[in-house]
Amino acid sequence: MILAVDGGNSKTDVVLVGDDGALLGQARGPLSSPHHLGLDASVDLLAGLVAEAGLNGRRADVAQVLLAGVDFPEEEHRLHAALEPRAWARRLRVGNDTFALLRAGTDRGWGIAVVCGAGINCVGVAPDGRHVRFPALGTITGDWGGGYDVGLAAIWAAARSEDGRGPKTVLEQLVPRHFGVDTPLDLSLAIHTGRVEQRRAVELAPLVLATAADDPVADGIVVRLAGEVVALVRATATRLRLSDIDVVLGGGMMRGATDRLLALIHEGLADLELTLVRASAPPIVGAALLALDELGVTDEVRARARREIEEAF
């Protein structure tokens, strides 16, 4: 039996899978990123979900725990040390959730994955096992992208449209309307006074994508987002000297990506030898497959696990 965990910035999935590929138990809960909750609270949340999935004092052969917010080796070591006393499995593997997306999106075992959900991150794995990672800590590590940044850009553009510092955009009306206020200035006051939480900016990302076809300002935000995805893929491919690559795109923004966003990404990577794959399977599939890979199971077992987990989630 294996235990797999995929913990993102919005939800956490847990599965138990037998060595025949059968789904033995499952659970879903809220975000579990140690970056947001702190390590102790994250581990406690995971423990509750593992119990809900049905481990019940048993011990798996492998536990694969992949979480958002585990970006540095020091964070991996601390998470491993905090989980090891729980004795969930004979072998414990921890890491960043981008590895789950990569394994869910390609069976080659290597390639590049870009997660674009509330935030943005990327991982690259070479055929010889070399890795490229990014800290993904936001502005302080050179990151921009994901739903939160896109939403903040929409609020910024709406404010400047209203007061004349920027070009006119339909976002001036649509952004405040989303939050039930009349103007961008009203929205800024609501955020400033705490009546609207700033983290809710992430809710505006679908609005920006839907508006881009008819609004140059919204389209400019989409162009910038595509450029960030392209920059991550190019940097990773160059550092790992990769060619003939599967590039897996996942996360909420990629699941809801418009033809315009995907076309911009294709265009920006047109000179590279790669295949763009929009992951249809949830990342928990990849976390489970990584654990099953360690058991050396057959392709038929992997296929059954993929099928049953996809159906469950």
Protein backbone atom coordinates (compact mmCIF):
# COMPACT_ATOMS: atom_id res chain seq x y z
CA MET A 1 0.00 0.00 0.00
CA ILE A 2 1.09 3.56 -0.70
CA LEU A 3 -0.01 6.85 0.82
CA ALA A 4 0.00 9.95 -1.39
CA VAL A 5 -0.65 13.58 -0.49
CA ASP A 6 -1.00 16.58 -2.78
CA GLY A 7 -1.35 19.76 -0.77
CA GLY A 8 -1.86 23.01 -2.64
CA ASN A 9 -2.71 26.60 -1.80
CA SER A 10 -6.43 25.95 -2.05
CA LYS A 11 -7.03 22.27 -1.22
CA THR A 12 -5.35 19.04 -0.09
CA ASP A 13 -5.99 15.55 -1.47
CA VAL A 14 -4.97 12.27 0.18
CA VAL A 15 -5.22 8.72 -1.19
CA LEU A 16 -4.34 5.21 -0.13
CA VAL A 17 -3.64 2.87 -3.05
CA GLY A 18 -2.94 -0.86 -3.01
CA ASP A 19 -0.04 -2.43 -4.90
CA ASP A 20 -2.65 -3.69 -7.38
CA GLY A 21 -3.63 -0.08 -8.17
CA ALA A 22 -6.94 -0.18 -6.29
CA LEU A 23 -8.02 2.99 -4.53
CA LEU A 24 -8.40 2.01 -0.87
CA GLY A 25 -9.26 5.34 0.68
CA GLN A 26 -9.40 9.05 0.01
CA ALA A 27 -9.90 12.43 1.67
CA ARG A 28 -10.04 16.06 0.63
CA GLY A 29 -9.48 19.08 2.85
CA PRO A 30 -8.42 22.74 2.79
CA LEU A 31 -5.01 24.17 1.93
CA SER A 32 -2.08 22.64 3.81
CA SER A 33 0.86 24.74 2.67
CA PRO A 34 3.30 25.24 5.57
CA HIS A 35 4.04 28.67 4.11
CA HIS A 36 0.50 29.77 4.94
CA LEU A 37 -0.34 27.65 8.00
CA GLY A 38 3.02 27.11 9.67
CA LEU A 39 4.63 23.68 9.88
CA ASP A 40 2.86 22.38 12.98
CA ALA A 41 -0.61 23.36 11.77
CA SER A 42 0.14 21.88 8.35
CA VAL A 43 1.20 18.54 9.83
CA ASP A 44 -1.85 18.43 12.11
CA LEU A 45 -4.15 19.05 9.16
CA LEU A 46 -2.44 16.31 7.15
CA ALA A 47 -2.75 13.90 10.06
CA GLY A 48 -6.51 14.43 10.17
CA LEU A 49 -6.86 13.80 6.44
CA VAL A 50 -4.66 10.70 6.54
CA ALA A 51 -6.87 9.30 9.29
CA GLU A 52 -9.98 10.19 7.28
CA ALA A 53 -8.54 8.34 4.27
CA GLY A 54 -8.41 5.21 6.40
CA LEU A 55 -4.80 4.52 7.34
CA ASN A 56 -6.05 3.52 10.82
CA GLY A 57 -2.74 2.66 12.42
CA ARG A 58 -1.51 0.66 9.46
CA ARG A 59 1.79 1.48 7.79
CA ALA A 60 2.16 2.07 4.07
CA ASP A 61 5.24 0.95 2.15
CA VAL A 62 5.78 4.44 0.70
CA ALA A 63 4.36 7.84 1.63
CA GLN A 64 4.74 10.57 -1.00
CA VAL A 65 3.88 13.96 0.55
CA LEU A 66 4.06 16.86 -1.92
CA LEU A 67 3.06 20.32 -0.70
CA ALA A 68 2.98 23.86 -1.97
CA GLY A 69 5.24 26.09 0.10
CA VAL A 70 7.99 23.49 0.38
CA ASP A 71 10.45 25.27 -1.87
CA PHE A 72 13.91 25.03 -0.27
CA PRO A 73 15.94 21.98 0.87
CA GLU A 74 15.72 23.32 4.44
CA GLU A 75 11.92 23.26 4.21
CA GLU A 76 11.98 19.70 2.89
CA HIS A 77 14.21 18.62 5.79
CA ARG A 78 11.94 20.27 8.38
CA LEU A 79 8.80 18.72 6.86
CA HIS A 80 10.43 15.28 6.74
CA ALA A 81 11.51 15.58 10.38
CA ALA A 82 8.02 16.66 11.44
CA LEU A 83 6.28 13.81 9.57
CA GLU A 84 8.66 10.95 10.30
CA PRO A 85 7.46 10.39 13.90
CA ARG A 86 3.95 9.83 12.54
CA ALA A 87 5.23 6.52 11.10
CA TRP A 88 2.78 6.55 8.22
CA ALA A 89 5.12 4.54 5.96
CA ARG A 90 8.37 2.62 5.88
CA ARG A 91 9.71 5.10 3.32
CA LEU A 92 8.77 8.78 3.48
CA ARG A 93 9.30 11.13 0.53
CA VAL A 94 8.51 14.85 0.73
CA GLY A 95 8.78 17.64 -1.81
CA ASN A 96 7.06 20.41 -3.70
CA ASP A 97 3.66 19.84 -5.33
CA THR A 98 5.00 20.70 -8.80
CA PHE A 99 6.46 17.18 -8.96
CA ALA A 100 2.94 15.78 -8.63
CA LEU A 101 1.74 17.81 -11.60
CA LEU A 102 4.68 16.69 -13.75
CA ARG A 103 4.09 13.00 -13.01
CA ALA A 104 0.33 13.35 -13.54
CA GLY A 105 0.84 14.96 -16.94
CA THR A 106 3.45 12.68 -18.50
CA ASP A 107 4.50 9.05 -18.10
CA ARG A 108 8.01 9.77 -19.38
CA GLY A 109 9.28 10.43 -15.87
CA TRP A 110 10.94 13.72 -16.84
CA GLY A 111 10.07 17.04 -18.42
CA ILE A 112 8.87 20.45 -17.27
CA ALA A 113 5.76 21.35 -15.30
CA VAL A 114 4.33 24.84 -14.75
CA VAL A 115 1.71 25.25 -12.04
CA CYS A 116 -0.41 28.36 -12.51
CA GLY A 117 -3.13 28.51 -9.91
CA ALA A 118 -3.32 31.07 -7.13
CA GLY A 119 0.42 31.50 -7.68
CA ILE A 120 2.95 30.28 -10.22
CA ASN A 121 5.80 27.78 -9.98
CA CYS A 122 7.82 25.48 -12.20
CA VAL A 123 9.93 22.34 -11.94
CA GLY A 124 12.15 20.61 -14.49
CA VAL A 125 13.46 17.05 -14.33
CA ALA A 126 16.09 15.75 -16.76
CA PRO A 127 16.26 12.11 -17.94
CA ASP A 128 19.31 11.63 -15.69
CA GLY A 129 17.42 12.91 -12.64
CA ARG A 130 18.85 16.44 -12.45
CA HIS A 131 16.31 19.00 -11.22
CA VAL A 132 15.66 22.69 -11.70
CA ARG A 133 13.50 24.38 -9.09
CA PHE A 134 12.34 27.92 -8.38
CA PRO A 135 11.76 29.38 -4.90
CA ALA A 136 8.37 30.83 -5.92
CA LEU A 137 8.22 33.33 -3.05
CA GLY A 138 6.73 36.13 -5.11
CA THR A 139 8.34 39.47 -5.84
CA ILE A 140 11.39 38.81 -3.66
CA THR A 141 12.38 35.88 -5.88
CA GLY A 142 11.40 37.51 -9.17
CA ASP A 143 8.03 35.81 -9.56
CA TRP A 144 4.85 37.18 -11.10
CA GLY A 145 1.85 35.20 -12.23
CA GLY A 146 -1.04 33.10 -11.06
CA GLY A 147 -4.53 34.18 -10.18
CA TYR A 148 -3.59 36.46 -7.30
CA ASP A 149 -1.13 38.55 -9.31
CA VAL A 150 -3.50 38.67 -12.29
CA GLY A 151 -6.30 39.84 -10.00
CA LEU A 152 -4.15 42.54 -8.42
CA ALA A 153 -3.15 43.71 -11.89
CA ALA A 154 -6.85 44.05 -12.75
CA ILE A 155 -7.50 46.12 -9.61
CA TRP A 156 -4.47 48.30 -10.44
CA ALA A 157 -5.64 48.84 -14.02
CA ALA A 158 -9.19 49.65 -12.90
CA ALA A 159 -7.96 52.29 -10.45
CA ARG A 160 -5.76 53.97 -13.05
CA SER A 161 -8.57 53.89 -15.60
CA GLU A 162 -10.82 55.70 -13.14
CA ASP A 163 -8.40 58.50 -12.19
CA GLY A 164 -6.83 59.05 -15.61
CA ARG A 165 -3.32 57.74 -14.96
CA GLY A 166 -3.88 54.82 -17.30
CA PRO A 167 -5.89 53.87 -20.38
CA LYS A 168 -9.60 53.33 -20.18
CA THR A 169 -10.63 49.72 -19.61
CA VAL A 170 -13.87 47.88 -19.00
CA LEU A 171 -12.17 46.54 -15.87
CA GLU A 172 -13.03 49.92 -14.32
CA GLN A 173 -16.64 48.74 -14.14
CA LEU A 174 -16.26 44.97 -13.91
CA VAL A 175 -13.74 44.80 -11.07
CA PRO A 176 -15.65 46.79 -8.43
CA ARG A 177 -18.92 45.20 -9.55
CA HIS A 178 -17.51 41.77 -8.73
CA PHE A 179 -17.16 42.83 -5.10
CA GLY A 180 -20.51 44.60 -4.89
CA VAL A 181 -19.23 48.19 -4.90
CA ASP A 182 -19.65 51.00 -7.41
CA THR A 183 -16.17 52.26 -8.31
CA PRO A 184 -12.48 51.27 -8.09
CA LEU A 185 -12.05 53.94 -5.41
CA ASP A 186 -14.84 52.33 -3.38
CA LEU A 187 -13.09 48.98 -3.77
CA SER A 188 -9.73 50.37 -2.66
CA LEU A 189 -11.37 51.78 0.48
CA ALA A 190 -13.11 48.46 1.17
CA ILE A 191 -9.79 46.60 0.90
CA HIS A 192 -7.98 49.24 2.95
CA THR A 193 -10.49 49.02 5.79
CA GLY A 194 -10.75 45.23 5.70
CA ARG A 195 -14.32 44.95 4.43
CA VAL A 196 -12.95 43.10 1.40
CA GLU A 197 -9.96 40.82 1.94
CA GLN A 198 -7.15 41.53 -0.51
CA ARG A 199 -6.54 37.82 -1.04
CA ARG A 200 -9.90 37.74 -2.85
CA ALA A 201 -8.12 39.39 -5.79
CA VAL A 202 -7.58 35.84 -7.04
CA GLU A 203 -11.32 35.71 -7.86
CA LEU A 204 -10.77 38.22 -10.67
CA ALA A 205 -8.52 35.99 -12.78
CA PRO A 206 -11.33 34.35 -14.81
CA LEU A 207 -12.83 37.79 -15.43
CA VAL A 208 -9.52 39.02 -16.89
CA LEU A 209 -9.24 36.01 -19.18
CA ALA A 210 -12.82 36.40 -20.37
CA THR A 211 -12.43 40.13 -21.00
CA ALA A 212 -9.10 40.03 -22.82
CA ALA A 213 -10.59 39.37 -26.25
CA ASP A 214 -12.34 42.76 -26.27
CA ASP A 215 -10.22 44.90 -23.93
CA PRO A 216 -6.57 45.80 -24.67
CA VAL A 217 -5.74 46.41 -21.01
CA ALA A 218 -7.01 42.99 -19.92
CA ASP A 219 -5.24 41.47 -22.90
CA GLY A 220 -2.02 43.10 -21.77
CA ILE A 221 -2.31 41.26 -18.44
CA VAL A 222 -2.84 37.98 -20.30
CA VAL A 223 0.20 38.70 -22.50
CA ARG A 224 2.30 39.28 -19.39
CA LEU A 225 1.09 36.02 -17.83
CA ALA A 226 1.94 34.06 -20.97
CA GLY A 227 5.37 35.68 -20.98
CA GLU A 228 6.01 34.48 -17.44
CA VAL A 229 5.10 30.89 -18.35
CA VAL A 230 7.38 31.10 -21.39
CA ALA A 231 10.24 32.52 -19.31
CA LEU A 232 9.98 29.68 -16.77
CA VAL A 233 9.97 27.00 -19.46
CA ARG A 234 12.85 28.56 -21.39
CA ALA A 235 15.01 29.03 -18.31
CA THR A 236 14.38 25.46 -17.19
CA ALA A 237 15.02 23.90 -20.60
CA THR A 238 18.24 25.88 -20.96
CA ARG A 239 19.58 25.04 -17.52
CA LEU A 240 18.87 21.33 -17.97
CA ARG A 241 19.86 21.31 -21.67
CA LEU A 242 16.60 19.58 -22.59
CA SER A 243 15.05 18.95 -25.98
CA ASP A 244 12.04 16.91 -27.10
CA ILE A 245 10.30 17.91 -23.86
CA ASP A 246 6.83 17.35 -22.49
CA VAL A 247 5.77 20.65 -20.89
CA VAL A 248 2.84 20.07 -18.54
CA LEU A 249 0.60 23.02 -17.72
CA GLY A 250 -1.62 22.74 -14.65
CA GLY A 251 -3.38 24.65 -11.93
CA GLY A 252 -6.67 26.50 -11.98
CA MET A 253 -5.61 29.18 -14.44
CA MET A 254 -4.34 26.63 -16.95
CA ARG A 255 -7.49 24.54 -16.61
CA GLY A 256 -9.47 27.66 -17.44
CA ALA A 257 -6.99 29.00 -20.00
CA THR A 258 -8.47 30.67 -23.06
CA ASP A 259 -7.35 29.96 -26.60
CA ARG A 260 -5.61 33.36 -26.56
CA LEU A 261 -3.47 32.49 -23.51
CA LEU A 262 -2.53 29.07 -24.88
CA ALA A 263 -1.72 30.56 -28.31
CA LEU A 264 0.61 33.11 -26.71
CA ILE A 265 2.43 30.36 -24.82
CA HIS A 266 2.73 28.26 -27.99
CA GLU A 267 4.04 31.26 -29.89
CA GLY A 268 6.62 32.09 -27.24
CA LEU A 269 7.99 28.54 -27.30
CA ALA A 270 7.64 27.88 -31.03
CA ASP A 271 11.39 27.48 -31.61
CA LEU A 272 11.78 24.78 -28.95
CA GLU A 273 11.22 21.08 -29.55
CA LEU A 274 8.44 20.36 -27.08
CA THR A 275 4.90 19.15 -26.60
CA LEU A 276 2.53 21.26 -24.50
CA VAL A 277 0.24 19.14 -22.34
CA ARG A 278 -2.62 20.59 -20.33
CA ALA A 279 -2.95 18.20 -17.41
CA SER A 280 -6.43 16.72 -17.23
CA ALA A 281 -5.71 14.55 -14.19
CA PRO A 282 -5.61 16.07 -10.70
CA PRO A 283 -2.07 16.30 -9.25
CA ILE A 284 -2.90 13.69 -6.59
CA VAL A 285 -2.66 11.18 -9.44
CA GLY A 286 0.97 12.17 -9.93
CA ALA A 287 1.77 11.93 -6.22
CA ALA A 288 0.33 8.40 -6.16
CA LEU A 289 2.16 7.34 -9.32
CA LEU A 290 5.49 8.56 -7.90
CA ALA A 291 4.93 6.38 -4.85
CA LEU A 292 3.89 3.39 -6.98
CA ASP A 293 7.00 3.91 -9.14
CA GLU A 294 9.06 3.15 -6.04
CA LEU A 295 7.27 -0.17 -5.66
CA GLY A 296 8.14 -1.13 -9.23
CA VAL A 297 4.56 -1.95 -10.20
CA THR A 298 3.44 -2.79 -13.71
CA ASP A 299 1.96 -0.40 -16.25
CA GLU A 300 -1.40 -2.08 -15.73
CA VAL A 301 -1.29 -1.26 -12.02
CA ARG A 302 -0.39 2.36 -12.76
CA ALA A 303 -3.21 2.61 -15.27
CA ARG A 304 -5.73 1.26 -12.75
CA ALA A 305 -4.55 3.69 -10.08
CA ARG A 306 -4.78 6.61 -12.48
CA ARG A 307 -8.27 5.62 -13.57
CA GLU A 308 -9.68 5.05 -10.09
CA ILE A 309 -8.19 8.23 -8.60
CA GLU A 310 -9.39 10.35 -11.53
CA GLU A 311 -12.89 8.93 -11.13
CA ALA A 312 -12.85 9.59 -7.38
CA PHE A 313 -11.69 13.20 -7.67
